[in-house]
Amino acid sequence: MIHAVNKKHNGASDSSVLYIPVCPTTEGNARYVARQLEALRQGTPSPDFPGGEGESRHVARGTVEYAQKCCDTLGLQAMGLNKLVPVQGDSPGGAEAVRKANEVLGWQ
């Protein structure tokens, strides 16, 4: 995963942080995605920045419905909003990792 922060911050409040997820499908990462998805639903900060109301009272903040309208299948899978699919030719271990991740995310 890439974690990027502005090199110079001239503002009087918190700066934006950008996460670019590039990570394997594991049960642990699926648990994080599930917590992240719940934070999106609530409009609260992500699990690694807990506390505060975040954007929960913002008008027109990002929502699951907005993501479902604007993201393609891969984007929705990355957010835990679509069931993961094993890659063709995946190893038995890879297919099992996808199965476990789907289970954690509530996709049976």
PDB file of N, CA and C in Angstrom:
ATOM      1  N   MET A   1       0.847  -1.167   0.000  1.00  0.00           N
ATOM      2  CA  MET A   1       0.000   0.000   0.000  1.00  0.00           C
ATOM      3  C   MET A   1       0.893   1.230   0.000  1.00  0.00           C
ATOM      4  N   ILE A   2       0.471   2.213  -0.719  1.00  0.00           N
ATOM      5  CA  ILE A   2       1.185   3.486  -0.752  1.00  0.00           C
ATOM      6  C   ILE A   2       0.428   4.462   0.133  1.00  0.00           C
ATOM      7  N   HIS A   3       1.146   5.143   0.990  1.00  0.00           N
ATOM      8  CA  HIS A   3       0.560   6.136   1.894  1.00  0.00           C
ATOM      9  C   HIS A   3       1.222   7.461   1.556  1.00  0.00           C
ATOM     10  N   ALA A   4       0.451   8.400   1.064  1.00  0.00           N
ATOM     11  CA  ALA A   4       1.017   9.671   0.635  1.00  0.00           C
ATOM     12  C   ALA A   4       0.421  10.834   1.422  1.00  0.00           C
ATOM     13  N   VAL A   5       1.276  11.754   1.821  1.00  0.00           N
ATOM     14  CA  VAL A   5       0.868  12.952   2.545  1.00  0.00           C
ATOM     15  C   VAL A   5       1.539  14.138   1.850  1.00  0.00           C
ATOM     16  N   ASN A   6       0.866  15.285   1.855  1.00  0.00           N
ATOM     17  CA  ASN A   6       1.480  16.489   1.270  1.00  0.00           C
ATOM     18  C   ASN A   6       2.863  16.710   1.853  1.00  0.00           C
ATOM     19  N   LYS A   7       3.821  17.081   1.011  1.00  0.00           N
ATOM     20  CA  LYS A   7       5.169  17.359   1.507  1.00  0.00           C
ATOM     21  C   LYS A   7       5.198  18.633   2.339  1.00  0.00           C
ATOM     22  N   LYS A   8       4.353  19.582   1.969  1.00  0.00           N
ATOM     23  CA  LYS A   8       4.283  20.841   2.710  1.00  0.00           C
ATOM     24  C   LYS A   8       2.815  21.160   2.948  1.00  0.00           C
ATOM     25  N   HIS A   9       2.487  21.464   4.189  1.00  0.00           N
ATOM     26  CA  HIS A   9       1.099  21.774   4.532  1.00  0.00           C
ATOM     27  C   HIS A   9       1.040  23.187   5.099  1.00  0.00           C
ATOM     28  N   ASN A  10       0.349  24.068   4.402  1.00  0.00           N
ATOM     29  CA  ASN A  10       0.239  25.459   4.821  1.00  0.00           C
ATOM     30  C   ASN A  10      -1.102  25.785   5.471  1.00  0.00           C
ATOM     31  N   GLY A  11      -1.960  24.783   5.604  1.00  0.00           N
ATOM     32  CA  GLY A  11      -3.294  25.016   6.151  1.00  0.00           C
ATOM     33  C   GLY A  11      -3.305  25.094   7.665  1.00  0.00           C
ATOM     34  N   ALA A  12      -4.439  25.477   8.185  1.00  0.00           N
ATOM     35  CA  ALA A  12      -4.613  25.595   9.636  1.00  0.00           C
ATOM     36  C   ALA A  12      -5.276  24.361  10.239  1.00  0.00           C
ATOM     37  N   SER A  13      -5.710  23.409   9.383  1.00  0.00           N
ATOM     38  CA  SER A  13      -6.350  22.193   9.892  1.00  0.00           C
ATOM     39  C   SER A  13      -5.681  20.977   9.252  1.00  0.00           C
ATOM     40  N   ASP A  14      -6.228  19.801   9.530  1.00  0.00           N
ATOM     41  CA  ASP A  14      -5.639  18.569   9.025  1.00  0.00           C
ATOM     42  C   ASP A  14      -5.493  18.586   7.513  1.00  0.00           C
ATOM     43  N   SER A  15      -4.460  17.922   7.054  1.00  0.00           N
ATOM     44  CA  SER A  15      -4.206  17.777   5.633  1.00  0.00           C
ATOM     45  C   SER A  15      -4.831  16.476   5.138  1.00  0.00           C
ATOM     46  N   SER A  16      -5.045  16.375   3.852  1.00  0.00           N
ATOM     47  CA  SER A  16      -5.583  15.142   3.271  1.00  0.00           C
ATOM     48  C   SER A  16      -4.499  14.080   3.203  1.00  0.00           C
ATOM     49  N   VAL A  17      -4.933  12.848   3.318  1.00  0.00           N
ATOM     50  CA  VAL A  17      -4.039  11.702   3.197  1.00  0.00           C
ATOM     51  C   VAL A  17      -4.591  10.816   2.104  1.00  0.00           C
ATOM     52  N   LEU A  18      -3.730  10.257   1.290  1.00  0.00           N
ATOM     53  CA  LEU A  18      -4.157   9.415   0.187  1.00  0.00           C
ATOM     54  C   LEU A  18      -3.609   8.013   0.376  1.00  0.00           C
ATOM     55  N   TYR A  19      -4.483   7.035   0.320  1.00  0.00           N
ATOM     56  CA  TYR A  19      -4.083   5.639   0.344  1.00  0.00           C
ATOM     57  C   TYR A  19      -4.356   5.045  -1.029  1.00  0.00           C
ATOM     58  N   ILE A  20      -3.375   4.395  -1.585  1.00  0.00           N
ATOM     59  CA  ILE A  20      -3.549   3.687  -2.838  1.00  0.00           C
ATOM     60  C   ILE A  20      -3.341   2.211  -2.513  1.00  0.00           C
ATOM     61  N   PRO A  21      -4.435   1.471  -2.367  1.00  0.00           N
ATOM     62  CA  PRO A  21      -4.287   0.083  -1.944  1.00  0.00           C
ATOM     63  C   PRO A  21      -3.745  -0.813  -3.046  1.00  0.00           C
ATOM     64  N   VAL A  22      -2.657  -1.447  -2.749  1.00  0.00           N
ATOM     65  CA  VAL A  22      -2.063  -2.444  -3.620  1.00  0.00           C
ATOM     66  C   VAL A  22      -1.657  -3.561  -2.674  1.00  0.00           C
ATOM     67  N   CYS A  23      -2.584  -4.454  -2.414  1.00  0.00           N
ATOM     68  CA  CYS A  23      -2.303  -5.470  -1.400  1.00  0.00           C
ATOM     69  C   CYS A  23      -2.909  -6.804  -1.794  1.00  0.00           C
ATOM     70  N   PRO A  24      -2.369  -7.863  -1.269  1.00  0.00           N
ATOM     71  CA  PRO A  24      -2.894  -9.186  -1.600  1.00  0.00           C
ATOM     72  C   PRO A  24      -4.229  -9.446  -0.913  1.00  0.00           C
ATOM     73  N   THR A  25      -4.951 -10.388  -1.456  1.00  0.00           N
ATOM     74  CA  THR A  25      -6.196 -10.819  -0.824  1.00  0.00           C
ATOM     75  C   THR A  25      -5.840 -11.756   0.313  1.00  0.00           C
ATOM     76  N   THR A  26      -6.041 -11.267   1.525  1.00  0.00           N
ATOM     77  CA  THR A  26      -5.818 -12.082   2.715  1.00  0.00           C
ATOM     78  C   THR A  26      -7.002 -11.880   3.648  1.00  0.00           C
ATOM     79  N   GLU A  27      -7.151 -12.788   4.578  1.00  0.00           N
ATOM     80  CA  GLU A  27      -8.232 -12.667   5.552  1.00  0.00           C
ATOM     81  C   GLU A  27      -8.071 -11.386   6.380  1.00  0.00           C
ATOM     82  N   GLY A  28      -6.828 -11.074   6.770  1.00  0.00           N
ATOM     83  CA  GLY A  28      -6.571  -9.859   7.548  1.00  0.00           C
ATOM     84  C   GLY A  28      -6.906  -8.598   6.780  1.00  0.00           C
ATOM     85  N   ASN A  29      -6.538  -8.550   5.509  1.00  0.00           N
ATOM     86  CA  ASN A  29      -6.854  -7.373   4.700  1.00  0.00           C
ATOM     87  C   ASN A  29      -8.363  -7.259   4.489  1.00  0.00           C
ATOM     88  N   ALA A  30      -9.050  -8.394   4.364  1.00  0.00           N
ATOM     89  CA  ALA A  30     -10.510  -8.368   4.218  1.00  0.00           C
ATOM     90  C   ALA A  30     -11.158  -7.809   5.486  1.00  0.00           C
ATOM     91  N   ARG A  31     -10.616  -8.153   6.648  1.00  0.00           N
ATOM     92  CA  ARG A  31     -11.163  -7.598   7.898  1.00  0.00           C
ATOM     93  C   ARG A  31     -10.990  -6.084   7.918  1.00  0.00           C
ATOM     94  N   TYR A  32      -9.842  -5.600   7.439  1.00  0.00           N
ATOM     95  CA  TYR A  32      -9.630  -4.150   7.379  1.00  0.00           C
ATOM     96  C   TYR A  32     -10.641  -3.508   6.420  1.00  0.00           C
ATOM     97  N   VAL A  33     -10.832  -4.110   5.246  1.00  0.00           N
ATOM     98  CA  VAL A  33     -11.786  -3.568   4.268  1.00  0.00           C
ATOM     99  C   VAL A  33     -13.189  -3.510   4.871  1.00  0.00           C
ATOM    100  N   ALA A  34     -13.571  -4.537   5.628  1.00  0.00           N
ATOM    101  CA  ALA A  34     -14.888  -4.535   6.267  1.00  0.00           C
ATOM    102  C   ALA A  34     -15.019  -3.371   7.245  1.00  0.00           C
ATOM    103  N   ARG A  35     -13.969  -3.101   8.018  1.00  0.00           N
ATOM    104  CA  ARG A  35     -14.009  -1.962   8.954  1.00  0.00           C
ATOM    105  C   ARG A  35     -14.020  -0.638   8.191  1.00  0.00           C
ATOM    106  N   GLN A  36     -13.258  -0.577   7.105  1.00  0.00           N
ATOM    107  CA  GLN A  36     -13.212   0.636   6.281  1.00  0.00           C
ATOM    108  C   GLN A  36     -14.576   0.899   5.657  1.00  0.00           C
ATOM    109  N   LEU A  37     -15.234  -0.150   5.195  1.00  0.00           N
ATOM    110  CA  LEU A  37     -16.554  -0.007   4.592  1.00  0.00           C
ATOM    111  C   LEU A  37     -17.569   0.497   5.615  1.00  0.00           C
ATOM    112  N   GLU A  38     -17.489   0.012   6.827  1.00  0.00           N
ATOM    113  CA  GLU A  38     -18.396   0.496   7.870  1.00  0.00           C
ATOM    114  C   GLU A  38     -18.139   1.979   8.160  1.00  0.00           C
ATOM    115  N   ALA A  39     -16.871   2.387   8.146  1.00  0.00           N
ATOM    116  CA  ALA A  39     -16.553   3.806   8.338  1.00  0.00           C
ATOM    117  C   ALA A  39     -17.140   4.645   7.202  1.00  0.00           C
ATOM    118  N   LEU A  40     -17.066   4.144   5.969  1.00  0.00           N
ATOM    119  CA  LEU A  40     -17.675   4.855   4.839  1.00  0.00           C
ATOM    120  C   LEU A  40     -19.179   5.007   5.068  1.00  0.00           C
ATOM    121  N   ARG A  41     -19.815   3.920   5.477  1.00  0.00           N
ATOM    122  CA  ARG A  41     -21.269   3.980   5.716  1.00  0.00           C
ATOM    123  C   ARG A  41     -21.624   5.008   6.783  1.00  0.00           C
ATOM    124  N   GLN A  42     -20.805   5.105   7.816  1.00  0.00           N
ATOM    125  CA  GLN A  42     -21.074   6.029   8.918  1.00  0.00           C
ATOM    126  C   GLN A  42     -20.559   7.442   8.651  1.00  0.00           C
ATOM    127  N   GLY A  43     -19.650   7.580   7.678  1.00  0.00           N
ATOM    128  CA  GLY A  43     -19.035   8.879   7.408  1.00  0.00           C
ATOM    129  C   GLY A  43     -17.977   9.241   8.435  1.00  0.00           C
ATOM    130  N   THR A  44     -17.451   8.233   9.107  1.00  0.00           N
ATOM    131  CA  THR A  44     -16.446   8.467  10.149  1.00  0.00           C
ATOM    132  C   THR A  44     -15.046   8.160   9.630  1.00  0.00           C
ATOM    133  N   PRO A  45     -14.018   8.596  10.357  1.00  0.00           N
ATOM    134  CA  PRO A  45     -12.652   8.315   9.920  1.00  0.00           C
ATOM    135  C   PRO A  45     -12.381   6.810   9.803  1.00  0.00           C
ATOM    136  N   SER A  46     -11.451   6.472   8.953  1.00  0.00           N
ATOM    137  CA  SER A  46     -11.086   5.074   8.748  1.00  0.00           C
ATOM    138  C   SER A  46     -10.495   4.478  10.022  1.00  0.00           C
ATOM    139  N   PRO A  47     -10.432   3.145  10.095  1.00  0.00           N
ATOM    140  CA  PRO A  47      -9.962   2.479  11.319  1.00  0.00           C
ATOM    141  C   PRO A  47      -8.577   2.909  11.796  1.00  0.00           C
ATOM    142  N   ASP A  48      -7.710   3.307  10.887  1.00  0.00           N
ATOM    143  CA  ASP A  48      -6.370   3.714  11.315  1.00  0.00           C
ATOM    144  C   ASP A  48      -6.298   5.190  11.715  1.00  0.00           C
ATOM    145  N   PHE A  49      -7.411   5.900  11.626  1.00  0.00           N
ATOM    146  CA  PHE A  49      -7.516   7.274  12.120  1.00  0.00           C
ATOM    147  C   PHE A  49      -8.796   7.394  12.942  1.00  0.00           C
ATOM    148  N   PRO A  50      -8.912   6.589  14.011  1.00  0.00           N
ATOM    149  CA  PRO A  50     -10.177   6.561  14.754  1.00  0.00           C
ATOM    150  C   PRO A  50     -10.461   7.855  15.514  1.00  0.00           C
ATOM    151  N   GLY A  51     -11.735   8.057  15.750  1.00  0.00           N
ATOM    152  CA  GLY A  51     -12.149   9.197  16.558  1.00  0.00           C
ATOM    153  C   GLY A  51     -12.745  10.309  15.733  1.00  0.00           C
ATOM    154  N   GLY A  52     -13.650  11.011  16.332  1.00  0.00           N
ATOM    155  CA  GLY A  52     -14.259  12.169  15.685  1.00  0.00           C
ATOM    156  C   GLY A  52     -15.418  11.785  14.796  1.00  0.00           C
ATOM    157  N   GLU A  53     -16.118  12.800  14.364  1.00  0.00           N
ATOM    158  CA  GLU A  53     -17.305  12.560  13.547  1.00  0.00           C
ATOM    159  C   GLU A  53     -16.992  12.505  12.066  1.00  0.00           C
ATOM    160  N   GLY A  54     -15.758  12.843  11.677  1.00  0.00           N
ATOM    161  CA  GLY A  54     -15.381  12.774  10.268  1.00  0.00           C
ATOM    162  C   GLY A  54     -16.304  13.597   9.400  1.00  0.00           C
ATOM    163  N   GLU A  55     -16.817  12.976   8.354  1.00  0.00           N
ATOM    164  CA  GLU A  55     -17.717  13.648   7.416  1.00  0.00           C
ATOM    165  C   GLU A  55     -19.168  13.246   7.654  1.00  0.00           C
ATOM    166  N   SER A  56     -19.452  12.673   8.809  1.00  0.00           N
ATOM    167  CA  SER A  56     -20.784  12.118   9.068  1.00  0.00           C
ATOM    168  C   SER A  56     -21.917  13.134   8.914  1.00  0.00           C
ATOM    169  N   ARG A  57     -21.626  14.405   9.099  1.00  0.00           N
ATOM    170  CA  ARG A  57     -22.681  15.419   8.964  1.00  0.00           C
ATOM    171  C   ARG A  57     -22.535  16.257   7.691  1.00  0.00           C
ATOM    172  N   HIS A  58     -21.595  15.891   6.822  1.00  0.00           N
ATOM    173  CA  HIS A  58     -21.417  16.641   5.579  1.00  0.00           C
ATOM    174  C   HIS A  58     -22.526  16.316   4.596  1.00  0.00           C
ATOM    175  N   VAL A  59     -22.999  17.334   3.911  1.00  0.00           N
ATOM    176  CA  VAL A  59     -23.987  17.154   2.861  1.00  0.00           C
ATOM    177  C   VAL A  59     -23.253  16.643   1.621  1.00  0.00           C
ATOM    178  N   ALA A  60     -23.822  15.681   0.965  1.00  0.00           N
ATOM    179  CA  ALA A  60     -23.279  15.138  -0.287  1.00  0.00           C
ATOM    180  C   ALA A  60     -21.907  14.486  -0.113  1.00  0.00           C
ATOM    181  N   ARG A  61     -21.655  13.903   1.060  1.00  0.00           N
ATOM    182  CA  ARG A  61     -20.390  13.184   1.256  1.00  0.00           C
ATOM    183  C   ARG A  61     -20.419  11.878   0.473  1.00  0.00           C
ATOM    184  N   GLY A  62     -19.268  11.259   0.344  1.00  0.00           N
ATOM    185  CA  GLY A  62     -19.195   9.973  -0.330  1.00  0.00           C
ATOM    186  C   GLY A  62     -20.026   8.933   0.397  1.00  0.00           C
ATOM    187  N   THR A  63     -20.735   8.120  -0.341  1.00  0.00           N
ATOM    188  CA  THR A  63     -21.586   7.082   0.234  1.00  0.00           C
ATOM    189  C   THR A  63     -21.413   5.791  -0.557  1.00  0.00           C
ATOM    190  N   VAL A  64     -21.924   4.719   0.002  1.00  0.00           N
ATOM    191  CA  VAL A  64     -21.927   3.435  -0.703  1.00  0.00           C
ATOM    192  C   VAL A  64     -22.697   3.571  -2.015  1.00  0.00           C
ATOM    193  N   GLU A  65     -23.830   4.244  -1.966  1.00  0.00           N
ATOM    194  CA  GLU A  65     -24.660   4.412  -3.165  1.00  0.00           C
ATOM    195  C   GLU A  65     -23.901   5.164  -4.258  1.00  0.00           C
ATOM    196  N   TYR A  66     -23.146   6.186  -3.872  1.00  0.00           N
ATOM    197  CA  TYR A  66     -22.352   6.939  -4.846  1.00  0.00           C
ATOM    198  C   TYR A  66     -21.293   6.034  -5.459  1.00  0.00           C
ATOM    199  N   ALA A  67     -20.612   5.253  -4.636  1.00  0.00           N
ATOM    200  CA  ALA A  67     -19.590   4.334  -5.139  1.00  0.00           C
ATOM    201  C   ALA A  67     -20.199   3.322  -6.102  1.00  0.00           C
ATOM    202  N   GLN A  68     -21.365   2.806  -5.761  1.00  0.00           N
ATOM    203  CA  GLN A  68     -22.023   1.820  -6.619  1.00  0.00           C
ATOM    204  C   GLN A  68     -22.403   2.418  -7.971  1.00  0.00           C
ATOM    205  N   LYS A  69     -22.689   3.703  -7.997  1.00  0.00           N
ATOM    206  CA  LYS A  69     -23.030   4.397  -9.235  1.00  0.00           C
ATOM    207  C   LYS A  69     -21.794   4.688 -10.077  1.00  0.00           C
ATOM    208  N   CYS A  70     -20.681   4.973  -9.415  1.00  0.00           N
ATOM    209  CA  CYS A  70     -19.529   5.520 -10.123  1.00  0.00           C
ATOM    210  C   CYS A  70     -18.360   4.557 -10.332  1.00  0.00           C
ATOM    211  N   CYS A  71     -18.309   3.462  -9.589  1.00  0.00           N
ATOM    212  CA  CYS A  71     -17.172   2.547  -9.685  1.00  0.00           C
ATOM    213  C   CYS A  71     -17.470   1.377 -10.611  1.00  0.00           C
ATOM    214  N   ASP A  72     -16.428   0.859 -11.219  1.00  0.00           N
ATOM    215  CA  ASP A  72     -16.595  -0.362 -11.997  1.00  0.00           C
ATOM    216  C   ASP A  72     -16.495  -1.570 -11.062  1.00  0.00           C
ATOM    217  N   THR A  73     -16.612  -2.751 -11.614  1.00  0.00           N
ATOM    218  CA  THR A  73     -16.613  -3.976 -10.821  1.00  0.00           C
ATOM    219  C   THR A  73     -15.366  -4.103  -9.960  1.00  0.00           C
ATOM    220  N   LEU A  74     -14.206  -3.827 -10.523  1.00  0.00           N
ATOM    221  CA  LEU A  74     -12.965  -3.953  -9.752  1.00  0.00           C
ATOM    222  C   LEU A  74     -12.909  -2.950  -8.605  1.00  0.00           C
ATOM    223  N   GLY A  75     -13.372  -1.742  -8.843  1.00  0.00           N
ATOM    224  CA  GLY A  75     -13.413  -0.744  -7.777  1.00  0.00           C
ATOM    225  C   GLY A  75     -14.339  -1.167  -6.653  1.00  0.00           C
ATOM    226  N   LEU A  76     -15.490  -1.705  -7.016  1.00  0.00           N
ATOM    227  CA  LEU A  76     -16.439  -2.174  -6.004  1.00  0.00           C
ATOM    228  C   LEU A  76     -15.873  -3.359  -5.233  1.00  0.00           C
ATOM    229  N   GLN A  77     -15.163  -4.244  -5.906  1.00  0.00           N
ATOM    230  CA  GLN A  77     -14.520  -5.360  -5.212  1.00  0.00           C
ATOM    231  C   GLN A  77     -13.475  -4.841  -4.228  1.00  0.00           C
ATOM    232  N   ALA A  78     -12.698  -3.873  -4.627  1.00  0.00           N
ATOM    233  CA  ALA A  78     -11.659  -3.318  -3.759  1.00  0.00           C
ATOM    234  C   ALA A  78     -12.258  -2.677  -2.514  1.00  0.00           C
ATOM    235  N   MET A  79     -13.474  -2.179  -2.623  1.00  0.00           N
ATOM    236  CA  MET A  79     -14.140  -1.535  -1.487  1.00  0.00           C
ATOM    237  C   MET A  79     -14.970  -2.512  -0.660  1.00  0.00           C
ATOM    238  N   GLY A  80     -15.010  -3.778  -1.077  1.00  0.00           N
ATOM    239  CA  GLY A  80     -15.802  -4.763  -0.366  1.00  0.00           C
ATOM    240  C   GLY A  80     -17.272  -4.733  -0.743  1.00  0.00           C
ATOM    241  N   LEU A  81     -17.603  -4.018  -1.812  1.00  0.00           N
ATOM    242  CA  LEU A  81     -18.991  -3.874  -2.227  1.00  0.00           C
ATOM    243  C   LEU A  81     -19.422  -4.884  -3.284  1.00  0.00           C
ATOM    244  N   ASN A  82     -18.500  -5.691  -3.764  1.00  0.00           N
ATOM    245  CA  ASN A  82     -18.798  -6.782  -4.686  1.00  0.00           C
ATOM    246  C   ASN A  82     -17.987  -7.990  -4.264  1.00  0.00           C
ATOM    247  N   LYS A  83     -18.533  -9.158  -4.539  1.00  0.00           N
ATOM    248  CA  LYS A  83     -17.851 -10.415  -4.234  1.00  0.00           C
ATOM    249  C   LYS A  83     -16.571 -10.525  -5.051  1.00  0.00           C
ATOM    250  N   LEU A  84     -15.510 -10.975  -4.401  1.00  0.00           N
ATOM    251  CA  LEU A  84     -14.251 -11.218  -5.088  1.00  0.00           C
ATOM    252  C   LEU A  84     -14.358 -12.501  -5.902  1.00  0.00           C
ATOM    253  N   VAL A  85     -13.636 -12.557  -7.005  1.00  0.00           N
ATOM    254  CA  VAL A  85     -13.659 -13.718  -7.886  1.00  0.00           C
ATOM    255  C   VAL A  85     -12.226 -14.209  -8.056  1.00  0.00           C
ATOM    256  N   PRO A  86     -11.988 -15.513  -7.845  1.00  0.00           N
ATOM    257  CA  PRO A  86     -10.623 -16.015  -8.056  1.00  0.00           C
ATOM    258  C   PRO A  86     -10.176 -15.777  -9.499  1.00  0.00           C
ATOM    259  N   VAL A  87      -8.912 -15.536  -9.658  1.00  0.00           N
ATOM    260  CA  VAL A  87      -8.339 -15.325 -10.987  1.00  0.00           C
ATOM    261  C   VAL A  87      -8.230 -16.686 -11.675  1.00  0.00           C
ATOM    262  N   GLN A  88      -8.521 -16.716 -12.956  1.00  0.00           N
ATOM    263  CA  GLN A  88      -8.429 -17.967 -13.701  1.00  0.00           C
ATOM    264  C   GLN A  88      -7.011 -18.518 -13.581  1.00  0.00           C
ATOM    265  N   GLY A  89      -6.904 -19.787 -13.247  1.00  0.00           N
ATOM    266  CA  GLY A  89      -5.604 -20.420 -13.089  1.00  0.00           C
ATOM    267  C   GLY A  89      -4.982 -20.190 -11.727  1.00  0.00           C
ATOM    268  N   ASP A  90      -5.744 -19.574 -10.812  1.00  0.00           N
ATOM    269  CA  ASP A  90      -5.244 -19.312  -9.458  1.00  0.00           C
ATOM    270  C   ASP A  90      -4.911 -20.627  -8.766  1.00  0.00           C
ATOM    271  N   SER A  91      -3.975 -20.567  -7.852  1.00  0.00           N
ATOM    272  CA  SER A  91      -3.603 -21.758  -7.085  1.00  0.00           C
ATOM    273  C   SER A  91      -4.727 -22.102  -6.114  1.00  0.00           C
ATOM    274  N   PRO A  92      -4.741 -23.345  -5.595  1.00  0.00           N
ATOM    275  CA  PRO A  92      -5.738 -23.671  -4.572  1.00  0.00           C
ATOM    276  C   PRO A  92      -5.659 -22.723  -3.363  1.00  0.00           C
ATOM    277  N   GLY A  93      -4.454 -22.336  -2.972  1.00  0.00           N
ATOM    278  CA  GLY A  93      -4.289 -21.403  -1.854  1.00  0.00           C
ATOM    279  C   GLY A  93      -4.857 -20.035  -2.175  1.00  0.00           C
ATOM    280  N   GLY A  94      -4.661 -19.576  -3.404  1.00  0.00           N
ATOM    281  CA  GLY A  94      -5.210 -18.287  -3.817  1.00  0.00           C
ATOM    282  C   GLY A  94      -6.728 -18.306  -3.822  1.00  0.00           C
ATOM    283  N   ALA A  95      -7.300 -19.395  -4.336  1.00  0.00           N
ATOM    284  CA  ALA A  95      -8.761 -19.523  -4.354  1.00  0.00           C
ATOM    285  C   ALA A  95      -9.311 -19.582  -2.929  1.00  0.00           C
ATOM    286  N   GLU A  96      -8.598 -20.246  -2.020  1.00  0.00           N
ATOM    287  CA  GLU A  96      -9.034 -20.318  -0.622  1.00  0.00           C
ATOM    288  C   GLU A  96      -8.957 -18.944   0.040  1.00  0.00           C
ATOM    289  N   ALA A  97      -7.926 -18.167  -0.288  1.00  0.00           N
ATOM    290  CA  ALA A  97      -7.809 -16.809   0.265  1.00  0.00           C
ATOM    291  C   ALA A  97      -8.992 -15.951  -0.181  1.00  0.00           C
ATOM    292  N   VAL A  98      -9.390 -16.080  -1.429  1.00  0.00           N
ATOM    293  CA  VAL A  98     -10.544 -15.334  -1.949  1.00  0.00           C
ATOM    294  C   VAL A  98     -11.815 -15.788  -1.237  1.00  0.00           C
ATOM    295  N   ARG A  99     -11.964 -17.096  -1.037  1.00  0.00           N
ATOM    296  CA  ARG A  99     -13.145 -17.618  -0.346  1.00  0.00           C
ATOM    297  C   ARG A  99     -13.239 -17.063   1.071  1.00  0.00           C
ATOM    298  N   LYS A 100     -12.104 -17.075   1.791  1.00  0.00           N
ATOM    299  CA  LYS A 100     -12.091 -16.560   3.167  1.00  0.00           C
ATOM    300  C   LYS A 100     -12.375 -15.064   3.203  1.00  0.00           C
ATOM    301  N   ALA A 101     -11.797 -14.321   2.264  1.00  0.00           N
ATOM    302  CA  ALA A 101     -12.048 -12.878   2.218  1.00  0.00           C
ATOM    303  C   ALA A 101     -13.527 -12.597   1.965  1.00  0.00           C
ATOM    304  N   ASN A 102     -14.124 -13.332   1.029  1.00  0.00           N
ATOM    305  CA  ASN A 102     -15.555 -13.155   0.760  1.00  0.00           C
ATOM    306  C   ASN A 102     -16.393 -13.475   1.985  1.00  0.00           C
ATOM    307  N   GLU A 103     -15.999 -14.497   2.734  1.00  0.00           N
ATOM    308  CA  GLU A 103     -16.711 -14.848   3.948  1.00  0.00           C
ATOM    309  C   GLU A 103     -16.655 -13.696   4.969  1.00  0.00           C
ATOM    310  N   VAL A 104     -15.459 -13.146   5.159  1.00  0.00           N
ATOM    311  CA  VAL A 104     -15.285 -12.015   6.087  1.00  0.00           C
ATOM    312  C   VAL A 104     -16.143 -10.830   5.660  1.00  0.00           C
ATOM    313  N   LEU A 105     -16.226 -10.601   4.350  1.00  0.00           N
ATOM    314  CA  LEU A 105     -16.961  -9.450   3.826  1.00  0.00           C
ATOM    315  C   LEU A 105     -18.468  -9.702   3.710  1.00  0.00           C
ATOM    316  N   GLY A 106     -18.896 -10.896   4.064  1.00  0.00           N
ATOM    317  CA  GLY A 106     -20.322 -11.201   4.040  1.00  0.00           C
ATOM    318  C   GLY A 106     -20.829 -11.698   2.699  1.00  0.00           C
ATOM    319  N   TRP A 107     -19.919 -12.061   1.814  1.00  0.00           N
ATOM    320  CA  TRP A 107     -20.301 -12.616   0.512  1.00  0.00           C
ATOM    321  C   TRP A 107     -20.156 -14.135   0.602  1.00  0.00           C
ATOM    322  N   GLN A 108     -21.244 -14.835   0.665  1.00  0.00           N
ATOM    323  CA  GLN A 108     -21.204 -16.308   0.806  1.00  0.00           C
ATOM    324  C   GLN A 108     -21.142 -16.994  -0.510  1.00  0.00           C
TER     325      GLN A 108
END
